């Protein structure tokens, strides 16, 4: 009984020190989300020159907004992502990518989910040799 009583204060101290308030958890989650969005924005225009019309496309733009800026694409293609096969992907985000191709400009990728979510533009790829269709 005495060893249990001796370890009880230590156990309570460890439990109290390990608890976080709901505000701290929310702030931590928001900081992670902001960092993730900053990384996506940096990746989006990684290889796009400053004078390219693709610079006007921003993260999360809808397909119609991008078409207003760049005009109608020469062709479109789509493919599924690896997230399609995650068994417990309950949010089902970013399972399909739609790619718009513009001849001589490059392409823009849009993220879609399994339940009809449209997450918007996620990647711009500048390619002056773009044929305008998926090879």
Protein backbone atom coordinates (compact mmCIF):
# COMPACT_ATOMS: atom_id res chain seq x y z
CA UNK A 1 0.00 0.00 0.00
CA UNK A 2 2.83 2.40 0.86
CA UNK A 3 4.51 2.13 -2.59
CA UNK A 4 1.19 3.03 -4.21
CA UNK A 5 0.75 6.05 -1.94
CA UNK A 6 4.30 7.21 -2.67
CA UNK A 7 3.80 7.01 -6.41
CA UNK A 8 0.35 8.66 -6.41
CA UNK A 9 1.60 12.30 -6.24
CA UNK A 10 4.06 11.61 -9.05
CA UNK A 11 1.32 10.06 -11.16
CA UNK A 12 -1.04 13.00 -10.58
CA UNK A 13 1.71 15.47 -11.44
CA UNK A 14 2.44 13.65 -14.71
CA UNK A 15 -1.25 13.62 -15.64
CA UNK A 16 -1.69 17.31 -14.88
CA UNK A 17 1.41 18.30 -16.84
CA UNK A 18 0.32 16.29 -19.89
CA UNK A 19 -3.12 17.89 -20.26
CA UNK A 20 -3.69 20.65 -22.78
CA UNK A 21 -6.59 23.02 -22.83
CA UNK A 22 -8.97 23.11 -25.76
CA UNK A 23 -7.63 26.54 -26.74
CA UNK A 24 -4.05 25.25 -26.90
CA UNK A 25 -5.14 22.31 -29.06
CA UNK A 26 -7.10 24.60 -31.39
CA UNK A 27 -4.18 27.02 -31.69
CA UNK A 28 -1.83 24.13 -32.44
CA UNK A 29 -4.21 22.78 -35.11
CA UNK A 30 -4.58 26.23 -36.70
CA UNK A 31 -0.80 26.70 -36.77
CA UNK A 32 -0.35 23.34 -38.50
CA UNK A 33 -3.07 24.24 -41.04
CA UNK A 34 -1.44 27.62 -41.76
CA UNK A 35 1.94 25.95 -42.23
CA UNK A 36 0.41 23.38 -44.60
CA UNK A 37 -1.28 26.10 -46.67
CA UNK A 38 1.97 28.10 -46.86
CA UNK A 39 3.78 25.00 -48.15
CA UNK A 40 1.06 24.42 -50.76
CA UNK A 41 1.27 28.04 -51.93
CA UNK A 42 5.05 27.77 -52.25
CA UNK A 43 4.78 24.53 -54.24
CA UNK A 44 2.01 25.86 -56.48
CA UNK A 45 4.21 28.32 -58.37
CA UNK A 46 7.59 26.65 -57.82
CA UNK A 47 8.59 26.49 -61.51
CA UNK A 48 6.38 29.25 -62.95
CA UNK A 49 8.23 32.32 -64.29
CA UNK A 50 7.06 35.77 -63.18
CA UNK A 51 5.81 36.76 -66.65
CA UNK A 52 3.62 33.66 -67.11
CA UNK A 53 -0.17 34.03 -66.97
CA UNK A 54 -0.15 31.06 -64.58
CA UNK A 55 1.08 33.44 -61.85
CA UNK A 56 -2.44 34.89 -61.68
CA UNK A 57 -3.86 31.54 -60.59
CA UNK A 58 -4.06 31.27 -56.80
CA UNK A 59 -4.52 28.34 -54.45
CA UNK A 60 -8.15 27.19 -54.26
CA UNK A 61 -9.41 28.98 -57.37
CA UNK A 62 -12.35 27.27 -59.04
CA UNK A 63 -12.18 25.89 -62.56
CA UNK A 64 -14.38 28.69 -63.91
CA UNK A 65 -12.20 31.38 -62.31
CA UNK A 66 -9.08 29.88 -63.92
CA UNK A 67 -10.85 29.71 -67.29
CA UNK A 68 -11.73 33.39 -66.96
CA UNK A 69 -8.02 34.20 -66.57
CA UNK A 70 -6.47 31.74 -69.06
CA UNK A 71 -9.34 31.06 -71.43
CA UNK A 72 -10.75 27.67 -72.30
CA UNK A 73 -8.23 24.83 -72.03
CA UNK A 74 -7.17 22.92 -75.13
CA UNK A 75 -7.98 19.65 -73.34
CA UNK A 76 -8.62 18.15 -69.93
CA UNK A 77 -7.61 14.90 -68.28
CA UNK A 78 -8.09 13.29 -64.90
CA UNK A 79 -6.49 10.68 -62.67
CA UNK A 80 -7.02 9.26 -59.20
CA UNK A 81 -4.55 9.80 -56.39
CA UNK A 82 -3.21 7.33 -53.85
CA UNK A 83 -5.60 8.77 -51.26
CA UNK A 84 -8.37 6.92 -53.10
CA UNK A 85 -7.17 3.66 -51.55
CA UNK A 86 -6.77 4.74 -47.91
CA UNK A 87 -9.34 2.59 -46.07
CA UNK A 88 -10.26 5.10 -43.35
CA UNK A 89 -10.14 8.30 -45.43
CA UNK A 90 -13.53 9.44 -44.14
CA UNK A 91 -13.20 13.00 -45.43
CA UNK A 92 -12.32 11.59 -48.87
CA UNK A 93 -10.45 14.73 -49.92
CA UNK A 94 -8.06 14.96 -52.86
CA UNK A 95 -8.92 11.56 -54.30
CA UNK A 96 -9.21 12.78 -57.91
CA UNK A 97 -7.19 15.34 -59.86
CA UNK A 98 -8.55 17.16 -62.92
CA UNK A 99 -5.83 18.60 -65.18
CA UNK A 100 -6.43 21.44 -67.65
CA UNK A 101 -3.88 21.72 -70.50
CA UNK A 102 -3.11 24.96 -72.39
CA UNK A 103 -0.89 24.77 -75.45
CA UNK A 104 2.34 26.73 -74.99
CA UNK A 105 1.46 27.77 -71.43
CA UNK A 106 1.31 24.67 -69.26
CA UNK A 107 -1.28 23.02 -67.08
CA UNK A 108 -3.25 23.54 -63.88
CA UNK A 109 -4.31 20.71 -61.55
CA UNK A 110 -7.55 20.84 -59.57
CA UNK A 111 -8.26 18.69 -56.53
CA UNK A 112 -11.60 16.90 -56.15
CA UNK A 113 -12.94 14.56 -53.51
CA UNK A 114 -15.03 11.42 -53.55
CA UNK A 115 -18.21 13.10 -52.36
CA UNK A 116 -18.27 15.85 -54.97
CA UNK A 117 -15.97 18.22 -53.11
CA UNK A 118 -14.17 20.70 -55.30
CA UNK A 119 -11.09 21.93 -53.48
CA UNK A 120 -9.91 24.18 -56.31
CA UNK A 121 -6.57 24.75 -58.03
CA UNK A 122 -3.71 23.03 -56.27
CA UNK A 123 -0.77 23.06 -58.71
CA UNK A 124 0.46 25.11 -61.70
CA UNK A 125 3.04 23.63 -64.05
CA UNK A 126 4.65 25.95 -66.57
CA UNK A 127 5.74 24.24 -69.79
CA UNK A 128 6.43 26.26 -72.94
CA UNK A 129 6.49 22.98 -74.91
CA UNK A 130 3.07 21.88 -73.67
CA UNK A 131 1.24 20.26 -76.64
CA UNK A 132 -2.18 21.16 -75.24
CA UNK A 133 -3.27 17.59 -74.56
CA UNK A 134 -2.22 14.68 -72.39
CA UNK A 135 0.46 12.70 -74.27
